[in-house]
Amino acid sequence: MDIRVVCYAGYRGEETPRRLSMGERCISVVEIQDRWLAPDHRYFKIIGDDGGLYIIRHDPYQNGWQLTCFKENPMMPHQPHADPASAILPV
């Protein structure tokens, strides 16, 4: 999934994600847990202000960002569905 990312460039010029946007949803970065380089991408494992864990990657050649993994905060209560039948997916 393509996303928009607002970054901060530190004194060494390395960009660090500060905020993610997916459509109308905006998530502030609370913590960067890990970061690593691949031959053609930079990856960041972050915690958002919603408690979710996100892995995002940056393609420096096309200057684009993608969400590669998301795990929601297990401590956040789930909102009940208005219609319980709508929560059932066909098999």
N, C-alpha and C. Protein backbone atom coordinates (compact mmCIF):
# COMPACT_ATOMS: atom_id res chain seq x y z
N MET A 1 0.85 -1.17 0.00
CA MET A 1 0.00 0.00 0.00
C MET A 1 0.90 1.24 0.00
N ASP A 2 0.66 2.13 -0.94
CA ASP A 2 1.41 3.38 -0.99
C ASP A 2 0.91 4.32 0.10
N ILE A 3 1.83 5.02 0.73
CA ILE A 3 1.51 5.95 1.81
C ILE A 3 2.31 7.23 1.61
N ARG A 4 1.92 8.26 2.34
CA ARG A 4 2.71 9.50 2.38
C ARG A 4 3.41 9.55 3.73
N VAL A 5 4.65 9.98 3.72
CA VAL A 5 5.44 10.03 4.95
C VAL A 5 6.09 11.40 5.06
N VAL A 6 5.95 12.01 6.23
CA VAL A 6 6.64 13.26 6.54
C VAL A 6 7.87 12.87 7.34
N CYS A 7 9.03 13.38 6.90
CA CYS A 7 10.29 13.01 7.53
C CYS A 7 11.01 14.22 8.11
N TYR A 8 11.94 13.91 8.98
CA TYR A 8 12.86 14.89 9.53
C TYR A 8 14.26 14.48 9.09
N ALA A 9 15.00 15.40 8.51
CA ALA A 9 16.37 15.12 8.11
C ALA A 9 17.30 15.63 9.21
N GLY A 10 18.00 14.72 9.85
CA GLY A 10 18.91 15.08 10.94
C GLY A 10 20.18 15.74 10.42
N TYR A 11 21.11 15.94 11.31
CA TYR A 11 22.34 16.65 10.96
C TYR A 11 23.17 15.88 9.93
N ARG A 12 22.97 14.55 9.82
CA ARG A 12 23.70 13.77 8.82
C ARG A 12 22.91 13.67 7.52
N GLY A 13 21.73 14.26 7.48
CA GLY A 13 20.93 14.25 6.27
C GLY A 13 20.07 13.01 6.09
N GLU A 14 20.14 12.08 7.06
CA GLU A 14 19.31 10.88 6.97
C GLU A 14 17.88 11.22 7.33
N GLU A 15 16.96 10.81 6.48
CA GLU A 15 15.56 11.09 6.74
C GLU A 15 15.01 10.08 7.74
N THR A 16 14.25 10.59 8.71
CA THR A 16 13.61 9.77 9.73
C THR A 16 12.12 10.05 9.70
N PRO A 17 11.29 9.01 9.54
CA PRO A 17 9.84 9.22 9.49
C PRO A 17 9.30 9.83 10.78
N ARG A 18 8.41 10.80 10.64
CA ARG A 18 7.77 11.45 11.79
C ARG A 18 6.25 11.27 11.77
N ARG A 19 5.67 11.14 10.55
CA ARG A 19 4.21 11.03 10.43
C ARG A 19 3.86 10.26 9.16
N LEU A 20 2.84 9.40 9.25
CA LEU A 20 2.36 8.64 8.10
C LEU A 20 0.96 9.10 7.76
N SER A 21 0.64 9.11 6.50
CA SER A 21 -0.73 9.42 6.05
C SER A 21 -1.18 8.33 5.10
N MET A 22 -2.37 7.80 5.40
CA MET A 22 -3.01 6.80 4.54
C MET A 22 -4.43 7.29 4.31
N GLY A 23 -4.65 7.91 3.17
CA GLY A 23 -5.95 8.52 2.92
C GLY A 23 -6.16 9.67 3.90
N GLU A 24 -7.28 9.65 4.62
CA GLU A 24 -7.59 10.70 5.60
C GLU A 24 -6.94 10.42 6.96
N ARG A 25 -6.40 9.24 7.15
CA ARG A 25 -5.84 8.84 8.44
C ARG A 25 -4.39 9.31 8.56
N CYS A 26 -4.08 9.92 9.70
CA CYS A 26 -2.73 10.42 9.96
C CYS A 26 -2.23 9.80 11.27
N ILE A 27 -1.04 9.21 11.24
CA ILE A 27 -0.46 8.56 12.41
C ILE A 27 0.89 9.21 12.70
N SER A 28 1.09 9.68 13.92
CA SER A 28 2.38 10.21 14.33
C SER A 28 3.28 9.07 14.80
N VAL A 29 4.56 9.17 14.49
CA VAL A 29 5.53 8.17 14.91
C VAL A 29 5.92 8.45 16.35
N VAL A 30 5.69 7.47 17.22
CA VAL A 30 6.04 7.59 18.63
C VAL A 30 7.44 7.04 18.89
N GLU A 31 7.78 5.94 18.18
CA GLU A 31 9.07 5.29 18.41
C GLU A 31 9.51 4.59 17.13
N ILE A 32 10.79 4.67 16.84
CA ILE A 32 11.38 3.86 15.78
C ILE A 32 12.09 2.71 16.47
N GLN A 33 11.54 1.50 16.31
CA GLN A 33 12.10 0.33 16.98
C GLN A 33 13.30 -0.24 16.25
N ASP A 34 13.32 -0.10 14.94
CA ASP A 34 14.41 -0.68 14.16
C ASP A 34 14.45 -0.01 12.80
N ARG A 35 15.57 -0.11 12.14
CA ARG A 35 15.74 0.37 10.77
C ARG A 35 16.84 -0.45 10.13
N TRP A 36 16.69 -0.72 8.85
CA TRP A 36 17.70 -1.49 8.16
C TRP A 36 17.69 -1.14 6.68
N LEU A 37 18.81 -1.46 6.04
CA LEU A 37 18.99 -1.20 4.62
C LEU A 37 18.91 -2.51 3.85
N ALA A 38 18.26 -2.48 2.73
CA ALA A 38 18.27 -3.57 1.75
C ALA A 38 18.96 -3.00 0.52
N PRO A 39 19.29 -3.83 -0.46
CA PRO A 39 19.99 -3.30 -1.63
C PRO A 39 19.27 -2.14 -2.33
N ASP A 40 17.93 -2.16 -2.33
CA ASP A 40 17.23 -1.09 -3.05
C ASP A 40 16.15 -0.38 -2.24
N HIS A 41 16.07 -0.61 -0.93
CA HIS A 41 15.09 0.05 -0.07
C HIS A 41 15.68 0.30 1.31
N ARG A 42 15.07 1.25 2.03
CA ARG A 42 15.35 1.45 3.45
C ARG A 42 14.08 1.10 4.21
N TYR A 43 14.19 0.36 5.28
CA TYR A 43 13.05 -0.09 6.06
C TYR A 43 13.06 0.54 7.45
N PHE A 44 11.86 0.80 7.97
CA PHE A 44 11.69 1.32 9.33
C PHE A 44 10.59 0.53 10.01
N LYS A 45 10.86 0.09 11.23
CA LYS A 45 9.85 -0.57 12.07
C LYS A 45 9.48 0.45 13.14
N ILE A 46 8.23 0.91 13.11
CA ILE A 46 7.83 2.02 13.97
C ILE A 46 6.58 1.68 14.78
N ILE A 47 6.40 2.43 15.86
CA ILE A 47 5.18 2.39 16.66
C ILE A 47 4.48 3.72 16.45
N GLY A 48 3.18 3.65 16.09
CA GLY A 48 2.40 4.86 15.87
C GLY A 48 1.71 5.31 17.14
N ASP A 49 1.15 6.52 17.10
CA ASP A 49 0.44 7.06 18.27
C ASP A 49 -0.87 6.31 18.53
N ASP A 50 -1.25 5.42 17.61
CA ASP A 50 -2.41 4.56 17.83
C ASP A 50 -2.01 3.23 18.47
N GLY A 51 -0.72 3.07 18.77
CA GLY A 51 -0.21 1.84 19.38
C GLY A 51 0.10 0.75 18.37
N GLY A 52 -0.19 0.99 17.10
CA GLY A 52 0.05 -0.01 16.06
C GLY A 52 1.53 -0.10 15.71
N LEU A 53 1.92 -1.29 15.25
CA LEU A 53 3.28 -1.53 14.78
C LEU A 53 3.25 -1.50 13.25
N TYR A 54 4.11 -0.70 12.67
CA TYR A 54 4.15 -0.51 11.23
C TYR A 54 5.56 -0.81 10.72
N ILE A 55 5.64 -1.48 9.59
CA ILE A 55 6.91 -1.59 8.87
C ILE A 55 6.69 -0.89 7.54
N ILE A 56 7.50 0.13 7.32
CA ILE A 56 7.39 0.91 6.09
C ILE A 56 8.73 0.86 5.36
N ARG A 57 8.66 1.05 4.05
CA ARG A 57 9.91 1.06 3.30
C ARG A 57 9.94 2.23 2.34
N HIS A 58 11.15 2.71 2.12
CA HIS A 58 11.38 3.86 1.25
C HIS A 58 12.20 3.41 0.06
N ASP A 59 11.74 3.77 -1.13
CA ASP A 59 12.49 3.53 -2.36
C ASP A 59 13.18 4.84 -2.72
N PRO A 60 14.48 4.95 -2.46
CA PRO A 60 15.16 6.22 -2.72
C PRO A 60 15.27 6.56 -4.20
N TYR A 61 15.16 5.58 -5.07
CA TYR A 61 15.28 5.83 -6.51
C TYR A 61 14.01 6.46 -7.09
N GLN A 62 12.85 6.04 -6.56
CA GLN A 62 11.58 6.61 -7.01
C GLN A 62 10.99 7.56 -5.97
N ASN A 63 11.68 7.71 -4.84
CA ASN A 63 11.26 8.57 -3.73
C ASN A 63 9.81 8.27 -3.32
N GLY A 64 9.51 6.98 -3.16
CA GLY A 64 8.17 6.57 -2.74
C GLY A 64 8.22 5.74 -1.47
N TRP A 65 7.12 5.73 -0.75
CA TRP A 65 6.98 4.98 0.49
C TRP A 65 5.87 3.95 0.35
N GLN A 66 6.05 2.81 1.04
CA GLN A 66 5.02 1.77 1.08
C GLN A 66 4.90 1.21 2.48
N LEU A 67 3.66 0.87 2.84
CA LEU A 67 3.41 0.14 4.08
C LEU A 67 3.54 -1.33 3.74
N THR A 68 4.47 -2.04 4.39
CA THR A 68 4.68 -3.45 4.08
C THR A 68 4.10 -4.37 5.14
N CYS A 69 3.87 -3.86 6.36
CA CYS A 69 3.32 -4.69 7.42
C CYS A 69 2.65 -3.80 8.46
N PHE A 70 1.54 -4.28 9.03
CA PHE A 70 0.84 -3.56 10.08
C PHE A 70 0.30 -4.56 11.08
N LYS A 71 0.47 -4.26 12.36
CA LYS A 71 -0.13 -5.06 13.43
C LYS A 71 -0.75 -4.08 14.40
N GLU A 72 -2.07 -4.21 14.60
CA GLU A 72 -2.74 -3.25 15.46
C GLU A 72 -2.39 -3.49 16.92
N ASN A 73 -2.60 -2.48 17.71
CA ASN A 73 -2.31 -2.53 19.14
C ASN A 73 -3.25 -3.53 19.81
N PRO A 74 -2.72 -4.59 20.42
CA PRO A 74 -3.60 -5.57 21.06
C PRO A 74 -4.30 -5.03 22.30
N MET A 75 -3.85 -3.91 22.82
CA MET A 75 -4.45 -3.34 24.02
C MET A 75 -5.62 -2.41 23.70
N MET A 76 -5.77 -2.04 22.42
CA MET A 76 -6.86 -1.15 22.03
C MET A 76 -8.16 -1.95 21.98
N PRO A 77 -9.21 -1.46 22.61
CA PRO A 77 -10.49 -2.18 22.54
C PRO A 77 -11.06 -2.10 21.13
N HIS A 78 -11.65 -3.19 20.69
CA HIS A 78 -12.28 -3.22 19.37
C HIS A 78 -13.66 -2.60 19.46
N GLN A 79 -14.02 -1.86 18.40
CA GLN A 79 -15.35 -1.27 18.32
C GLN A 79 -16.33 -2.36 17.90
N PRO A 80 -17.43 -2.51 18.60
CA PRO A 80 -18.41 -3.51 18.18
C PRO A 80 -19.02 -3.13 16.84
N HIS A 81 -19.33 -4.13 16.04
CA HIS A 81 -19.98 -3.88 14.75
C HIS A 81 -21.44 -3.55 14.99
N ALA A 82 -21.98 -2.66 14.18
CA ALA A 82 -23.39 -2.30 14.30
C ALA A 82 -24.27 -3.50 13.96
N ASP A 83 -23.85 -4.29 13.00
CA ASP A 83 -24.58 -5.48 12.60
C ASP A 83 -23.64 -6.67 12.73
N PRO A 84 -23.82 -7.54 13.75
CA PRO A 84 -22.90 -8.66 13.94
C PRO A 84 -22.77 -9.54 12.71
N ALA A 85 -23.80 -9.63 11.89
CA ALA A 85 -23.72 -10.47 10.69
C ALA A 85 -22.72 -9.90 9.69
N SER A 86 -22.49 -8.59 9.74
CA SER A 86 -21.54 -7.98 8.79
C SER A 86 -20.11 -8.37 9.10
N ALA A 87 -19.84 -8.88 10.31
CA ALA A 87 -18.49 -9.29 10.69
C ALA A 87 -18.16 -10.68 10.16
N ILE A 88 -19.16 -11.40 9.67
CA ILE A 88 -18.94 -12.75 9.17
C ILE A 88 -18.59 -12.68 7.68
N LEU A 89 -17.45 -13.23 7.33
CA LEU A 89 -17.03 -13.22 5.94
C LEU A 89 -17.42 -14.52 5.28
N PRO A 90 -17.84 -14.51 4.04
CA PRO A 90 -18.19 -15.75 3.36
C PRO A 90 -16.96 -16.62 3.16
N VAL A 91 -17.16 -17.92 3.19
CA VAL A 91 -16.06 -18.87 3.01
C VAL A 91 -16.02 -19.36 1.59
